[in-house]
PDB file of N, CA and C in Angstrom:
ATOM      1  N   MET A   1     205.776 306.378  34.005  1.00  0.00           N
ATOM      2  CA  MET A   1     206.709 307.196  35.245  1.00  0.00           C
ATOM      3  C   MET A   1     206.142 308.670  35.216  1.00  0.00           C
ATOM      4  N   PRO A   2     205.163 309.659  35.007  1.00  0.00           N
ATOM      5  CA  PRO A   2     204.169 310.800  35.764  1.00  0.00           C
ATOM      6  C   PRO A   2     203.209 310.555  36.628  1.00  0.00           C
ATOM      7  N   ALA A   3     203.151 308.732  36.576  1.00  0.00           N
ATOM      8  CA  ALA A   3     201.786 309.348  37.481  1.00  0.00           C
ATOM      9  C   ALA A   3     202.432 308.524  38.181  1.00  0.00           C
ATOM     10  N   LEU A   4     203.695 308.010  38.371  1.00  0.00           N
ATOM     11  CA  LEU A   4     204.015 307.290  39.552  1.00  0.00           C
ATOM     12  C   LEU A   4     204.332 308.484  40.093  1.00  0.00           C
ATOM     13  N   SER A   5     204.667 309.290  39.690  1.00  0.00           N
ATOM     14  CA  SER A   5     205.162 310.675  40.555  1.00  0.00           C
ATOM     15  C   SER A   5     204.072 311.294  40.850  1.00  0.00           C
ATOM     16  N   TRP A   6     203.039 311.751  40.288  1.00  0.00           N
ATOM     17  CA  TRP A   6     202.156 311.915  40.633  1.00  0.00           C
ATOM     18  C   TRP A   6     201.550 312.182  42.397  1.00  0.00           C
ATOM     19  N   LEU A   7     201.234 310.608  42.408  1.00  0.00           N
ATOM     20  CA  LEU A   7     200.620 309.251  43.189  1.00  0.00           C
ATOM     21  C   LEU A   7     202.041 309.699  43.865  1.00  0.00           C
ATOM     22  N   ALA A   8     203.127 309.619  44.343  1.00  0.00           N
ATOM     23  CA  ALA A   8     203.548 310.137  45.012  1.00  0.00           C
ATOM     24  C   ALA A   8     203.599 311.303  46.589  1.00  0.00           C
ATOM     25  N   LEU A   9     203.414 312.655  45.104  1.00  0.00           N
ATOM     26  CA  LEU A   9     203.794 313.492  45.755  1.00  0.00           C
ATOM     27  C   LEU A   9     202.241 313.648  46.749  1.00  0.00           C
ATOM     28  N   THR A  10     200.659 313.513  45.586  1.00  0.00           N
ATOM     29  CA  THR A  10     199.545 313.122  45.611  1.00  0.00           C
ATOM     30  C   THR A  10     199.940 312.456  47.976  1.00  0.00           C
ATOM     31  N   VAL A  11     200.209 311.090  47.989  1.00  0.00           N
ATOM     32  CA  VAL A  11     200.713 311.023  48.905  1.00  0.00           C
ATOM     33  C   VAL A  11     201.402 311.243  50.236  1.00  0.00           C
ATOM     34  N   ILE A  12     202.435 312.418  49.602  1.00  0.00           N
ATOM     35  CA  ILE A  12     203.140 312.800  50.865  1.00  0.00           C
ATOM     36  C   ILE A  12     202.989 314.737  50.155  1.00  0.00           C
ATOM     37  N   ASP A  13     201.198 314.774  49.667  1.00  0.00           N
ATOM     38  CA  ASP A  13     200.474 315.900  49.867  1.00  0.00           C
ATOM     39  C   ASP A  13     199.462 315.054  50.811  1.00  0.00           C
ATOM     40  N   TRP A  14     199.371 314.145  51.197  1.00  0.00           N
ATOM     41  CA  TRP A  14     198.114 314.013  51.560  1.00  0.00           C
ATOM     42  C   TRP A  14     198.148 314.311  53.840  1.00  0.00           C
ATOM     43  N   SER A  15     199.692 313.378  53.965  1.00  0.00           N
ATOM     44  CA  SER A  15     200.462 313.356  55.137  1.00  0.00           C
ATOM     45  C   SER A  15     200.863 314.636  55.800  1.00  0.00           C
ATOM     46  N   VAL A  16     200.566 316.012  54.973  1.00  0.00           N
ATOM     47  CA  VAL A  16     201.045 316.956  55.407  1.00  0.00           C
ATOM     48  C   VAL A  16     200.515 317.571  55.538  1.00  0.00           C
ATOM     49  N   SER A  17     198.503 317.529  54.702  1.00  0.00           N
ATOM     50  CA  SER A  17     197.903 318.151  54.967  1.00  0.00           C
ATOM     51  C   SER A  17     197.482 319.036  56.552  1.00  0.00           C
ATOM     52  N   PRO A  18     196.923 319.611  56.782  1.00  0.00           N
ATOM     53  CA  PRO A  18     197.113 319.628  58.429  1.00  0.00           C
ATOM     54  C   PRO A  18     195.294 319.316  58.393  1.00  0.00           C
ATOM     55  N   LEU A  19     194.132 319.553  56.956  1.00  0.00           N
ATOM     56  CA  LEU A  19     193.010 318.360  57.446  1.00  0.00           C
ATOM     57  C   LEU A  19     192.932 317.051  57.655  1.00  0.00           C
ATOM     58  N   PHE A  20     194.623 316.374  58.281  1.00  0.00           N
ATOM     59  CA  PHE A  20     194.832 314.349  58.600  1.00  0.00           C
ATOM     60  C   PHE A  20     196.289 314.495  59.378  1.00  0.00           C
ATOM     61  N   GLN A  21     195.731 316.108  59.811  1.00  0.00           N
ATOM     62  CA  GLN A  21     197.004 316.472  60.534  1.00  0.00           C
ATOM     63  C   GLN A  21     195.430 316.376  62.334  1.00  0.00           C
ATOM     64  N   ASP A  22     195.760 315.406  63.804  1.00  0.00           N
ATOM     65  CA  ASP A  22     195.567 315.886  64.865  1.00  0.00           C
ATOM     66  C   ASP A  22     196.023 317.303  64.820  1.00  0.00           C
ATOM     67  N   PRO A  23     194.771 317.955  65.639  1.00  0.00           N
ATOM     68  CA  PRO A  23     194.978 318.882  66.262  1.00  0.00           C
ATOM     69  C   PRO A  23     195.849 318.670  67.980  1.00  0.00           C
ATOM     70  N   SER A  24     195.341 318.157  68.501  1.00  0.00           N
ATOM     71  CA  SER A  24     195.666 317.493  69.914  1.00  0.00           C
ATOM     72  C   SER A  24     197.147 316.630  70.001  1.00  0.00           C
ATOM     73  N   GLY A  25     197.658 315.983  68.875  1.00  0.00           N
ATOM     74  CA  GLY A  25     198.799 315.627  69.015  1.00  0.00           C
ATOM     75  C   GLY A  25     199.006 314.288  68.239  1.00  0.00           C
ATOM     76  N   PRO A  26     200.253 314.208  67.859  1.00  0.00           N
ATOM     77  CA  PRO A  26     199.858 312.628  67.372  1.00  0.00           C
ATOM     78  C   PRO A  26     198.982 311.074  68.060  1.00  0.00           C
ATOM     79  N   MET A  27     197.722 310.406  66.357  1.00  0.00           N
ATOM     80  CA  MET A  27     196.952 309.684  67.454  1.00  0.00           C
ATOM     81  C   MET A  27     197.595 308.752  68.580  1.00  0.00           C
ATOM     82  N   SER A  28     197.043 307.869  69.810  1.00  0.00           N
ATOM     83  CA  SER A  28     197.395 307.303  69.655  1.00  0.00           C
ATOM     84  C   SER A  28     196.475 305.684  69.582  1.00  0.00           C
ATOM     85  N   LEU A  29     197.192 304.555  69.666  1.00  0.00           N
ATOM     86  CA  LEU A  29     196.298 303.543  69.350  1.00  0.00           C
ATOM     87  C   LEU A  29     195.433 302.657  69.903  1.00  0.00           C
ATOM     88  N   VAL A  30     195.076 303.269  71.038  1.00  0.00           N
ATOM     89  CA  VAL A  30     193.247 302.493  71.375  1.00  0.00           C
ATOM     90  C   VAL A  30     192.662 304.810  70.982  1.00  0.00           C
ATOM     91  N   PRO A  31     192.116 305.445  70.995  1.00  0.00           N
ATOM     92  CA  PRO A  31     191.611 306.120  70.399  1.00  0.00           C
ATOM     93  C   PRO A  31     191.130 307.087  71.434  1.00  0.00           C
ATOM     94  N   ARG A  32     191.065 306.420  72.335  1.00  0.00           N
ATOM     95  CA  ARG A  32     190.111 307.020  73.772  1.00  0.00           C
ATOM     96  C   ARG A  32     190.951 306.574  74.991  1.00  0.00           C
ATOM     97  N   TRP A  33     192.082 306.971  74.733  1.00  0.00           N
ATOM     98  CA  TRP A  33     192.989 305.904  75.912  1.00  0.00           C
ATOM     99  C   TRP A  33     192.353 307.320  76.454  1.00  0.00           C
ATOM    100  N   ARG A  34     193.488 308.469  76.629  1.00  0.00           N
ATOM    101  CA  ARG A  34     192.731 309.831  77.671  1.00  0.00           C
ATOM    102  C   ARG A  34     191.394 309.726  78.102  1.00  0.00           C
ATOM    103  N   TYR A  35     190.829 308.984  77.616  1.00  0.00           N
ATOM    104  CA  TYR A  35     189.538 309.247  78.496  1.00  0.00           C
ATOM    105  C   TYR A  35     189.089 308.130  79.513  1.00  0.00           C
ATOM    106  N   MET A  36     189.905 307.224  79.121  1.00  0.00           N
ATOM    107  CA  MET A  36     189.591 305.720  79.864  1.00  0.00           C
ATOM    108  C   MET A  36     189.765 305.641  81.071  1.00  0.00           C
ATOM    109  N   THR A  37     188.669 305.149  82.566  1.00  0.00           N
ATOM    110  CA  THR A  37     189.261 305.106  83.812  1.00  0.00           C
ATOM    111  C   THR A  37     190.332 304.079  83.925  1.00  0.00           C
ATOM    112  N   ASP A  38     191.075 304.370  84.715  1.00  0.00           N
ATOM    113  CA  ASP A  38     192.430 303.622  85.512  1.00  0.00           C
ATOM    114  C   ASP A  38     192.504 302.079  85.769  1.00  0.00           C
ATOM    115  N   GLU A  39     190.632 301.719  85.576  1.00  0.00           N
ATOM    116  CA  GLU A  39     190.935 300.622  85.962  1.00  0.00           C
ATOM    117  C   GLU A  39     191.008 299.862  84.704  1.00  0.00           C
ATOM    118  N   ALA A  40     190.141 300.928  83.395  1.00  0.00           N
ATOM    119  CA  ALA A  40     190.610 300.298  82.212  1.00  0.00           C
ATOM    120  C   ALA A  40     191.386 299.917  81.748  1.00  0.00           C
ATOM    121  N   LYS A  41     192.681 301.105  82.514  1.00  0.00           N
ATOM    122  CA  LYS A  41     193.649 301.553  81.400  1.00  0.00           C
ATOM    123  C   LYS A  41     194.600 299.714  81.721  1.00  0.00           C
ATOM    124  N   ALA A  42     193.797 299.236  82.569  1.00  0.00           N
ATOM    125  CA  ALA A  42     194.910 298.203  83.178  1.00  0.00           C
ATOM    126  C   ALA A  42     194.304 297.255  82.824  1.00  0.00           C
ATOM    127  N   LEU A  43     192.967 297.197  83.001  1.00  0.00           N
ATOM    128  CA  LEU A  43     192.742 295.662  81.844  1.00  0.00           C
ATOM    129  C   LEU A  43     193.617 295.759  80.390  1.00  0.00           C
ATOM    130  N   THR A  44     193.278 297.003  79.726  1.00  0.00           N
ATOM    131  CA  THR A  44     193.655 296.721  78.565  1.00  0.00           C
ATOM    132  C   THR A  44     194.852 296.764  78.500  1.00  0.00           C
ATOM    133  N   LYS A  45     196.095 297.203  79.458  1.00  0.00           N
ATOM    134  CA  LYS A  45     197.497 296.763  79.042  1.00  0.00           C
ATOM    135  C   LYS A  45     197.743 295.325  79.837  1.00  0.00           C
ATOM    136  N   ARG A  46     197.155 294.681  80.960  1.00  0.00           N
ATOM    137  CA  ARG A  46     197.341 293.231  81.026  1.00  0.00           C
ATOM    138  C   ARG A  46     196.574 292.527  79.921  1.00  0.00           C
ATOM    139  N   THR A  47     196.417 292.859  79.276  1.00  0.00           N
ATOM    140  CA  THR A  47     195.549 291.424  78.108  1.00  0.00           C
ATOM    141  C   THR A  47     196.476 291.948  77.326  1.00  0.00           C
ATOM    142  N   ALA A  48     196.820 293.397  76.322  1.00  0.00           N
ATOM    143  CA  ALA A  48     197.962 293.487  75.618  1.00  0.00           C
ATOM    144  C   ALA A  48     199.578 292.666  76.017  1.00  0.00           C
ATOM    145  N   VAL A  49     199.568 292.040  77.472  1.00  0.00           N
ATOM    146  CA  VAL A  49     200.510 292.080  77.584  1.00  0.00           C
ATOM    147  C   VAL A  49     200.973 290.363  77.645  1.00  0.00           C
ATOM    148  N   SER A  50     199.714 290.342  78.064  1.00  0.00           N
ATOM    149  CA  SER A  50     199.118 288.645  78.062  1.00  0.00           C
ATOM    150  C   SER A  50     199.841 288.193  76.142  1.00  0.00           C
ATOM    151  N   ALA A  51     198.340 288.967  75.322  1.00  0.00           N
ATOM    152  CA  ALA A  51     198.904 288.259  74.342  1.00  0.00           C
ATOM    153  C   ALA A  51     200.220 287.854  73.616  1.00  0.00           C
ATOM    154  N   LEU A  52     200.922 289.366  74.038  1.00  0.00           N
ATOM    155  CA  LEU A  52     202.222 289.174  73.931  1.00  0.00           C
ATOM    156  C   LEU A  52     202.954 288.736  74.622  1.00  0.00           C
ATOM    157  N   VAL A  53     202.975 287.221  75.955  1.00  0.00           N
ATOM    158  CA  VAL A  53     203.612 286.265  76.116  1.00  0.00           C
ATOM    159  C   VAL A  53     203.322 285.210  75.194  1.00  0.00           C
ATOM    160  N   VAL A  54     201.386 285.518  75.243  1.00  0.00           N
ATOM    161  CA  VAL A  54     201.169 284.074  74.810  1.00  0.00           C
ATOM    162  C   VAL A  54     201.927 284.297  73.034  1.00  0.00           C
ATOM    163  N   LEU A  55     201.522 285.144  72.350  1.00  0.00           N
ATOM    164  CA  LEU A  55     202.674 285.103  70.761  1.00  0.00           C
ATOM    165  C   LEU A  55     203.939 284.457  70.921  1.00  0.00           C
ATOM    166  N   LEU A  56     204.724 284.771  72.010  1.00  0.00           N
ATOM    167  CA  LEU A  56     206.187 284.206  72.138  1.00  0.00           C
ATOM    168  C   LEU A  56     205.791 283.087  72.583  1.00  0.00           C
ATOM    169  N   VAL A  57     205.524 282.716  73.673  1.00  0.00           N
ATOM    170  CA  VAL A  57     205.353 281.325  73.582  1.00  0.00           C
ATOM    171  C   VAL A  57     205.596 280.188  72.981  1.00  0.00           C
ATOM    172  N   LEU A  58     203.732 280.471  72.426  1.00  0.00           N
ATOM    173  CA  LEU A  58     203.237 280.117  70.776  1.00  0.00           C
ATOM    174  C   LEU A  58     204.442 280.242  69.894  1.00  0.00           C
ATOM    175  N   LEU A  59     205.819 281.446  69.718  1.00  0.00           N
ATOM    176  CA  LEU A  59     207.330 281.256  68.593  1.00  0.00           C
ATOM    177  C   LEU A  59     207.886 280.568  68.797  1.00  0.00           C
ATOM    178  N   VAL A  60     207.861 279.832  70.540  1.00  0.00           N
ATOM    179  CA  VAL A  60     208.942 279.124  70.800  1.00  0.00           C
ATOM    180  C   VAL A  60     209.291 278.310  70.863  1.00  0.00           C
ATOM    181  N   VAL A  61     207.346 277.531  70.704  1.00  0.00           N
ATOM    182  CA  VAL A  61     206.726 276.393  71.399  1.00  0.00           C
ATOM    183  C   VAL A  61     207.044 276.029  69.373  1.00  0.00           C
ATOM    184  N   ARG A  62     207.100 276.709  68.668  1.00  0.00           N
ATOM    185  CA  ARG A  62     206.987 276.767  67.749  1.00  0.00           C
ATOM    186  C   ARG A  62     208.045 275.610  66.464  1.00  0.00           C
ATOM    187  N   ALA A  63     208.684 276.816  67.108  1.00  0.00           N
ATOM    188  CA  ALA A  63     210.344 276.528  67.036  1.00  0.00           C
ATOM    189  C   ALA A  63     211.308 275.300  67.863  1.00  0.00           C
ATOM    190  N   LEU A  64     210.157 274.505  68.238  1.00  0.00           N
ATOM    191  CA  LEU A  64     210.770 273.624  69.625  1.00  0.00           C
ATOM    192  C   LEU A  64     210.718 272.668  69.629  1.00  0.00           C
ATOM    193  N   VAL A  65     209.577 272.138  68.628  1.00  0.00           N
ATOM    194  CA  VAL A  65     208.712 271.621  68.297  1.00  0.00           C
ATOM    195  C   VAL A  65     208.998 270.208  66.821  1.00  0.00           C
ATOM    196  N   PRO A  66     210.236 270.626  66.618  1.00  0.00           N
ATOM    197  CA  PRO A  66     211.013 269.867  65.872  1.00  0.00           C
ATOM    198  C   PRO A  66     212.178 268.913  66.344  1.00  0.00           C
ATOM    199  N   TRP A  67     212.118 270.239  67.655  1.00  0.00           N
ATOM    200  CA  TRP A  67     213.698 269.653  68.452  1.00  0.00           C
ATOM    201  C   TRP A  67     213.244 268.801  69.458  1.00  0.00           C
ATOM    202  N   VAL A  68     211.734 268.199  70.126  1.00  0.00           N
ATOM    203  CA  VAL A  68     211.179 267.679  70.371  1.00  0.00           C
ATOM    204  C   VAL A  68     210.591 266.216  69.890  1.00  0.00           C
ATOM    205  N   LEU A  69     210.230 266.105  68.357  1.00  0.00           N
ATOM    206  CA  LEU A  69     210.278 265.257  67.753  1.00  0.00           C
ATOM    207  C   LEU A  69     210.949 264.032  67.635  1.00  0.00           C
ATOM    208  N   VAL A  70     212.393 264.593  67.363  1.00  0.00           N
ATOM    209  CA  VAL A  70     213.450 264.698  66.840  1.00  0.00           C
ATOM    210  C   VAL A  70     214.328 263.497  68.427  1.00  0.00           C
ATOM    211  N   ALA A  71     214.370 264.203  69.420  1.00  0.00           N
ATOM    212  CA  ALA A  71     214.460 263.778  70.563  1.00  0.00           C
ATOM    213  C   ALA A  71     213.832 262.289  71.081  1.00  0.00           C
ATOM    214  N   VAL A  72     211.730 262.701  70.688  1.00  0.00           N
ATOM    215  CA  VAL A  72     210.806 261.389  70.720  1.00  0.00           C
ATOM    216  C   VAL A  72     211.457 260.093  70.144  1.00  0.00           C
ATOM    217  N   VAL A  73     211.627 260.481  68.471  1.00  0.00           N
ATOM    218  CA  VAL A  73     212.039 258.877  67.880  1.00  0.00           C
ATOM    219  C   VAL A  73     213.345 258.371  67.971  1.00  0.00           C
ATOM    220  N   GLY A  74     213.976 259.775  68.197  1.00  0.00           N
ATOM    221  CA  GLY A  74     215.568 258.626  69.343  1.00  0.00           C
ATOM    222  C   GLY A  74     215.667 258.296  70.079  1.00  0.00           C
ATOM    223  N   TRP A  75     214.794 258.496  71.297  1.00  0.00           N
ATOM    224  CA  TRP A  75     214.721 257.524  72.455  1.00  0.00           C
ATOM    225  C   TRP A  75     213.722 256.550  71.655  1.00  0.00           C
ATOM    226  N   TRP A  76     212.996 256.409  70.969  1.00  0.00           N
ATOM    227  CA  TRP A  76     212.090 255.657  70.382  1.00  0.00           C
ATOM    228  C   TRP A  76     213.220 254.449  70.034  1.00  0.00           C
ATOM    229  N   ILE A  77     214.361 254.579  69.859  1.00  0.00           N
ATOM    230  CA  ILE A  77     215.158 253.757  68.357  1.00  0.00           C
ATOM    231  C   ILE A  77     216.249 253.575  70.391  1.00  0.00           C
ATOM    232  N   TRP A  78     216.513 254.589  70.284  1.00  0.00           N
ATOM    233  CA  TRP A  78     217.270 254.042  72.225  1.00  0.00           C
ATOM    234  C   TRP A  78     216.324 252.763  72.838  1.00  0.00           C
ATOM    235  N   LYS A  79     215.245 252.787  72.713  1.00  0.00           N
ATOM    236  CA  LYS A  79     214.402 252.033  72.954  1.00  0.00           C
ATOM    237  C   LYS A  79     214.680 250.690  72.546  1.00  0.00           C
ATOM    238  N   ALA A  80     214.203 251.088  70.707  1.00  0.00           N
ATOM    239  CA  ALA A  80     214.841 249.197  70.730  1.00  0.00           C
ATOM    240  C   ALA A  80     215.181 248.422  70.228  1.00  0.00           C
ATOM    241  N   VAL A  81     216.673 249.457  70.155  1.00  0.00           N
ATOM    242  CA  VAL A  81     218.235 249.039  70.299  1.00  0.00           C
ATOM    243  C   VAL A  81     218.727 248.188  71.799  1.00  0.00           C
ATOM    244  N   SER A  82     218.402 249.107  72.928  1.00  0.00           N
ATOM    245  CA  SER A  82     218.508 247.759  73.764  1.00  0.00           C
ATOM    246  C   SER A  82     217.558 246.943  74.934  1.00  0.00           C
ATOM    247  N   ARG A  83     216.783 247.052  73.626  1.00  0.00           N
ATOM    248  CA  ARG A  83     215.882 245.676  74.135  1.00  0.00           C
ATOM    249  C   ARG A  83     216.984 244.292  73.384  1.00  0.00           C
TER     250      ARG A  83
END
């Protein structure tokens, strides 16, 4: 147990150490955001939004695929029975 508490204290010490803190404030996700042109910022934002939309669509489609398969099988059965 002493090794675990030493490790926890070391991690805590690193998080509050001035060597690991940015004096200009919290670090942004894009490190050079404040130096980017407005056009580059807009392109980055559009790309991020597009990636999130694609991920959301993939999650929805993935959830709906079993229902689509059930509907197709049901339609095949209906067509076979109605003959």
